[in-house]
């Protein structure tokens, strides 16, 4: 669950938005209030806010967003409990507050408005309120056994690792089985296996590397694996063509029917990788040693 918080000055406009019936809004929580309309609630807030006219941003606005799955399963009563727990975590129990659930989007979310001015006329300390809101939301999610931001991040990271491993495996199979000699050929064979190889062109219109797109993910080549940097891929393609010396490496490449020059960094990286592979081959075979 994500929690966001900030201090605002436009109390009436915000409560109007929260109450918006076009968004299937429902009140899920209210404390220290008696009004039955946005205007009445705003007026109740204003009466307390007049006790501290120095505070301009006198309303606290929070958004509580469970994950899509959690949001679909949470009842109005449970969303009210979620809001109440959040208010307790933020130490706002003794202030006017009202919360609305919006279900008009895929993400069910709660808009919570709290009077920053207390009944004693003091303004609530809003230092680091964004960070504190997220920490409070995390604690509430744990208490209610909902998915936390850390859970989502871990799930995304595990999915990212899985996809990167799959791209790496497809790449190695293509290089071993097909031994493509040109960049266009490599791109075509990878695409047949549902992996999009996206050349990266710099401002000088030179090829500087690649990105891989697969199953909704998009990575720089080196993010997939260090063995798949632009220089290493191009070096492997060059060697498949029989290029064995750095000086034999072309400074340009055919890409989708056009001749594209390579950036200096990419060309240097290709040369270095060819030298490394040549030395390794010599060591492995004993030639020259």
Protein backbone atom coordinates (compact mmCIF):
# COMPACT_ATOMS: atom_id res chain seq x y z
CA UNK A 1 0.00 0.00 0.00
CA UNK A 2 1.20 3.49 -0.86
CA UNK A 3 0.63 6.49 1.39
CA UNK A 4 1.09 10.08 0.21
CA UNK A 5 0.62 13.22 2.27
CA UNK A 6 0.93 16.97 1.91
CA UNK A 7 -0.36 20.23 3.37
CA UNK A 8 -2.79 22.25 1.22
CA UNK A 9 -4.62 25.59 1.32
CA UNK A 10 -7.62 24.77 -0.91
CA UNK A 11 -9.76 22.90 1.63
CA UNK A 12 -13.14 23.36 -0.07
CA UNK A 13 -11.96 22.38 -3.55
CA UNK A 14 -10.28 19.25 -2.21
CA UNK A 15 -13.28 18.08 -0.20
CA UNK A 16 -15.46 18.74 -3.25
CA UNK A 17 -13.16 16.47 -5.25
CA UNK A 18 -13.23 13.79 -2.58
CA UNK A 19 -17.04 13.84 -2.50
CA UNK A 20 -17.29 13.64 -6.31
CA UNK A 21 -20.14 11.24 -7.16
CA UNK A 22 -18.81 10.81 -10.70
CA UNK A 23 -15.98 8.87 -9.12
CA UNK A 24 -18.38 6.60 -7.20
CA UNK A 25 -17.22 8.32 -4.02
CA UNK A 26 -18.33 6.98 -0.65
CA UNK A 27 -17.52 8.29 2.81
CA UNK A 28 -15.55 5.56 4.60
CA UNK A 29 -14.48 7.52 7.67
CA UNK A 30 -15.38 10.72 9.52
CA UNK A 31 -14.50 12.11 12.94
CA UNK A 32 -15.44 15.27 14.87
CA UNK A 33 -17.74 16.39 12.03
CA UNK A 34 -21.52 16.70 11.64
CA UNK A 35 -21.96 18.15 8.12
CA UNK A 36 -23.69 16.32 5.27
CA UNK A 37 -22.21 18.16 2.27
CA UNK A 38 -18.82 19.43 1.08
CA UNK A 39 -19.88 22.99 1.92
CA UNK A 40 -20.88 22.09 5.48
CA UNK A 41 -17.67 20.09 6.11
CA UNK A 42 -15.55 22.91 4.69
CA UNK A 43 -17.32 25.41 6.98
CA UNK A 44 -16.67 23.19 10.02
CA UNK A 45 -12.99 23.03 9.09
CA UNK A 46 -12.93 26.82 8.61
CA UNK A 47 -14.36 27.55 12.06
CA UNK A 48 -11.42 25.73 13.69
CA UNK A 49 -8.89 27.12 11.21
CA UNK A 50 -9.85 30.66 12.22
CA UNK A 51 -8.12 29.94 15.53
CA UNK A 52 -4.79 30.00 13.67
CA UNK A 53 -4.80 32.42 10.74
CA UNK A 54 -1.01 32.39 10.44
CA UNK A 55 -1.10 28.86 9.03
CA UNK A 56 -1.99 29.18 5.34
CA UNK A 57 -1.76 25.51 4.34
CA UNK A 58 -4.22 24.49 7.00
CA UNK A 59 -5.54 21.17 5.68
CA UNK A 60 -3.71 17.85 5.42
CA UNK A 61 -4.41 15.81 2.29
CA UNK A 62 -3.57 12.11 2.15
CA UNK A 63 -4.01 9.42 -0.50
CA UNK A 64 -3.98 5.79 0.60
CA UNK A 65 -3.62 3.34 -2.29
CA UNK A 66 -3.75 -0.41 -1.68
CA UNK A 67 -2.57 -2.66 -4.52
CA UNK A 68 -5.14 -3.39 -7.25
CA UNK A 69 -5.81 -6.86 -5.84
CA UNK A 70 -6.12 -5.68 -2.24
CA UNK A 71 -8.30 -2.77 -3.35
CA UNK A 72 -10.76 -5.06 -5.12
CA UNK A 73 -11.13 -7.21 -2.00
CA UNK A 74 -11.45 -4.48 0.63
CA UNK A 75 -14.99 -3.64 1.72
CA UNK A 76 -16.16 -0.16 2.66
CA UNK A 77 -15.90 -1.14 6.33
CA UNK A 78 -12.35 -2.43 5.91
CA UNK A 79 -11.33 0.76 4.10
CA UNK A 80 -12.72 2.70 7.05
CA UNK A 81 -10.66 0.57 9.42
CA UNK A 82 -7.59 1.12 7.24
CA UNK A 83 -8.13 4.89 7.40
CA UNK A 84 -8.68 4.86 11.15
CA UNK A 85 -5.46 2.91 11.71
CA UNK A 86 -3.58 5.35 9.48
CA UNK A 87 -4.93 8.33 11.46
CA UNK A 88 -3.78 6.67 14.66
CA UNK A 89 -0.30 6.05 13.21
CA UNK A 90 -0.07 9.71 12.20
CA UNK A 91 -1.35 10.88 15.62
CA UNK A 92 -4.33 12.69 14.17
CA UNK A 93 -7.13 11.19 16.27
CA UNK A 94 -8.06 14.51 17.90
CA UNK A 95 -8.59 16.44 14.67
CA UNK A 96 -11.47 16.82 12.25
CA UNK A 97 -11.15 14.35 9.42
CA UNK A 98 -13.14 12.86 6.56
CA UNK A 99 -12.19 10.17 4.03
CA UNK A 100 -13.68 9.08 0.72
CA UNK A 101 -13.06 5.98 -1.35
CA UNK A 102 -12.83 6.33 -5.14
CA UNK A 103 -13.37 3.22 -7.23
CA UNK A 104 -13.59 4.87 -10.65
CA UNK A 105 -10.12 3.68 -11.67
CA UNK A 106 -8.42 0.30 -11.60
CA UNK A 107 -6.80 1.31 -8.34
CA UNK A 108 -9.19 1.68 -5.41
CA UNK A 109 -7.85 4.55 -3.32
CA UNK A 110 -8.86 6.65 -0.33
CA UNK A 111 -8.71 10.46 -0.18
CA UNK A 112 -8.36 11.59 3.43
CA UNK A 113 -8.62 15.23 4.52
CA UNK A 114 -7.65 16.25 8.04
CA UNK A 115 -7.82 19.69 9.63
CA UNK A 116 -4.23 20.67 10.28
CA UNK A 117 -5.41 23.04 12.99
CA UNK A 118 -6.35 21.32 16.24
CA UNK A 119 -9.09 22.32 18.66
CA UNK A 120 -6.36 24.06 20.68
CA UNK A 121 -5.47 26.28 17.69
CA UNK A 122 -2.10 24.62 17.10
CA UNK A 123 -0.95 23.55 13.65
CA UNK A 124 0.11 19.96 13.10
CA UNK A 125 3.84 19.63 12.35
CA UNK A 126 4.02 18.65 8.67
CA UNK A 127 7.80 18.15 8.48
CA UNK A 128 8.66 15.14 6.28
CA UNK A 129 4.95 14.41 5.99
CA UNK A 130 5.39 12.57 2.70
CA UNK A 131 7.89 10.13 4.17
CA UNK A 132 5.94 9.77 7.41
CA UNK A 133 2.76 9.03 5.43
CA UNK A 134 4.45 6.19 3.58
CA UNK A 135 5.86 4.71 6.79
CA UNK A 136 2.42 4.89 8.43
CA UNK A 137 0.84 3.22 5.39
CA UNK A 138 3.46 0.45 5.53
CA UNK A 139 2.67 -0.20 9.21
CA UNK A 140 -1.08 -0.28 8.56
CA UNK A 141 -0.59 -2.68 5.63
CA UNK A 142 1.41 -5.03 7.86
CA UNK A 143 -1.21 -4.86 10.63
CA UNK A 144 -4.01 -5.68 8.17
CA UNK A 145 -1.93 -8.23 6.25
CA UNK A 146 -2.08 -6.22 3.06
CA UNK A 147 0.63 -5.96 0.44
CA UNK A 148 3.29 -3.41 1.39
CA UNK A 149 5.43 -1.32 -0.97
CA UNK A 150 8.41 -3.51 -0.03
CA UNK A 151 6.42 -6.61 -1.03
CA UNK A 152 5.64 -5.03 -4.41
CA UNK A 153 9.25 -3.97 -4.91
CA UNK A 154 10.49 -7.47 -4.10
CA UNK A 155 7.97 -9.03 -6.47
CA UNK A 156 9.01 -6.63 -9.25
CA UNK A 157 12.70 -7.33 -8.63
CA UNK A 158 12.16 -11.10 -8.75
CA UNK A 159 10.17 -10.72 -11.97
CA UNK A 160 12.91 -8.50 -13.40
CA UNK A 161 15.59 -11.08 -12.57
CA UNK A 162 13.51 -13.84 -14.19
CA UNK A 163 13.02 -11.83 -17.39
CA UNK A 164 16.69 -10.85 -17.60
CA UNK A 165 17.73 -14.49 -17.22
CA UNK A 166 15.31 -15.49 -19.99
CA UNK A 167 16.68 -12.79 -22.34
CA UNK A 168 20.25 -13.93 -21.58
CA UNK A 169 19.37 -17.56 -22.27
CA UNK A 170 17.65 -16.68 -25.58
CA UNK A 171 20.65 -14.55 -26.57
CA UNK A 172 23.16 -17.33 -25.90
CA UNK A 173 21.08 -19.91 -27.77
CA UNK A 174 20.86 -17.58 -30.78
CA UNK A 175 24.61 -16.95 -30.75
CA UNK A 176 25.48 -20.64 -30.34
CA UNK A 177 22.92 -22.16 -32.72
CA UNK A 178 22.65 -19.52 -35.46
CA UNK A 179 25.97 -17.69 -35.16
CA UNK A 180 24.59 -14.52 -36.80
CA UNK A 181 27.18 -12.46 -38.67
CA UNK A 182 25.30 -9.20 -39.00
CA UNK A 183 23.41 -6.98 -36.62
CA UNK A 184 20.26 -7.13 -38.76
CA UNK A 185 20.37 -10.93 -38.72
CA UNK A 186 20.80 -10.98 -34.93
CA UNK A 187 17.89 -8.55 -34.44
CA UNK A 188 15.66 -10.63 -36.75
CA UNK A 189 16.40 -13.96 -35.03
CA UNK A 190 15.89 -12.44 -31.56
CA UNK A 191 12.56 -10.93 -32.68
CA UNK A 192 11.41 -14.38 -33.83
CA UNK A 193 11.86 -15.39 -30.20
CA UNK A 194 9.81 -12.40 -28.99
CA UNK A 195 12.82 -10.37 -27.87
CA UNK A 196 13.03 -6.87 -29.37
CA UNK A 197 16.59 -5.61 -29.78
CA UNK A 198 16.40 -1.81 -29.85
CA UNK A 199 19.50 0.01 -31.15
CA UNK A 200 20.40 3.15 -29.19
CA UNK A 201 21.40 6.06 -31.43
CA UNK A 202 23.11 9.07 -29.85
CA UNK A 203 22.71 12.76 -30.75
CA UNK A 204 25.45 12.45 -33.39
CA UNK A 205 23.35 9.75 -35.12
CA UNK A 206 25.85 7.06 -34.16
CA UNK A 207 25.12 3.63 -32.74
CA UNK A 208 26.16 3.53 -29.10
CA UNK A 209 24.49 0.40 -27.76
CA UNK A 210 21.29 -1.61 -27.39
CA UNK A 211 18.22 -2.11 -25.26
CA UNK A 212 16.20 -5.31 -24.95
CA UNK A 213 12.41 -5.37 -24.69
CA UNK A 214 10.69 -8.56 -23.55
CA UNK A 215 7.41 -9.35 -21.77
CA UNK A 216 6.75 -5.70 -20.92
CA UNK A 217 10.27 -5.06 -19.60
CA UNK A 218 12.88 -2.82 -21.16
CA UNK A 219 16.56 -3.07 -20.20
CA UNK A 220 19.88 -1.67 -21.33
CA UNK A 221 21.96 -4.51 -22.77
CA UNK A 222 24.46 -4.32 -19.91
CA UNK A 223 21.59 -4.48 -17.38
CA UNK A 224 20.60 -7.89 -18.74
CA UNK A 225 24.13 -9.18 -18.16
CA UNK A 226 27.61 -7.74 -18.45
CA UNK A 227 28.37 -10.32 -21.17
CA UNK A 228 25.68 -8.65 -23.28
CA UNK A 229 27.04 -5.12 -23.51
CA UNK A 230 26.92 -3.49 -26.93
CA UNK A 231 30.68 -3.95 -27.38
CA UNK A 232 30.57 -7.66 -26.57
CA UNK A 233 27.59 -8.37 -28.83
CA UNK A 234 29.18 -6.53 -31.76
CA UNK A 235 32.53 -8.23 -31.12
CA UNK A 236 30.83 -11.62 -31.23
CA UNK A 237 29.05 -10.76 -34.49
CA UNK A 238 32.37 -9.57 -35.96
CA UNK A 239 34.12 -12.79 -34.98
CA UNK A 240 31.28 -14.83 -36.47
CA UNK A 241 32.20 -13.06 -39.73
CA UNK A 242 35.82 -14.08 -39.30
CA UNK A 243 37.16 -10.78 -38.00
CA UNK A 244 40.13 -11.62 -35.79
CA UNK A 245 41.98 -8.30 -35.45
CA UNK A 246 40.78 -4.98 -34.03
CA UNK A 247 41.90 -3.07 -37.14
CA UNK A 248 39.58 -5.23 -39.25
CA UNK A 249 36.49 -4.05 -37.36
CA UNK A 250 34.19 -1.85 -39.45
CA UNK A 251 33.53 1.64 -38.12
CA UNK A 252 29.96 1.44 -39.41
CA UNK A 253 27.24 -1.18 -39.51
CA UNK A 254 24.20 -2.03 -41.63
CA UNK A 255 21.08 -1.42 -39.57
CA UNK A 256 17.61 -1.91 -41.04
CA UNK A 257 18.86 -1.21 -44.54
CA UNK A 258 20.89 1.87 -43.57
CA UNK A 259 24.58 2.40 -42.92
CA UNK A 260 25.06 3.69 -39.39
CA UNK A 261 28.36 4.79 -37.91
CA UNK A 262 29.37 3.47 -34.51
CA UNK A 263 30.24 5.76 -31.61
CA UNK A 264 33.91 5.93 -30.62
CA UNK A 265 33.16 4.25 -27.29
CA UNK A 266 31.34 1.35 -28.96
CA UNK A 267 34.07 0.86 -31.57
CA UNK A 268 36.75 0.90 -28.83
CA UNK A 269 34.77 -1.59 -26.75
CA UNK A 270 34.43 -3.94 -29.73
CA UNK A 271 38.20 -3.80 -30.37
CA UNK A 272 38.98 -4.52 -26.71
CA UNK A 273 36.60 -7.49 -26.64
CA UNK A 274 38.10 -8.95 -29.82
CA UNK A 275 41.59 -8.67 -28.28
CA UNK A 276 40.38 -10.42 -25.09
CA UNK A 277 38.73 -13.23 -27.06
CA UNK A 278 41.85 -13.66 -29.24
CA UNK A 279 44.11 -13.90 -26.17
CA UNK A 280 41.73 -16.34 -24.47
CA UNK A 281 41.61 -18.53 -27.57
CA UNK A 282 45.40 -18.52 -27.78
CA UNK A 283 45.69 -19.53 -24.12
CA UNK A 284 43.05 -22.25 -24.47
CA UNK A 285 44.72 -23.76 -27.55
CA UNK A 286 48.30 -23.15 -26.49
CA UNK A 287 49.06 -21.20 -29.65
CA UNK A 288 51.81 -18.66 -29.11
CA UNK A 289 52.58 -19.88 -25.56
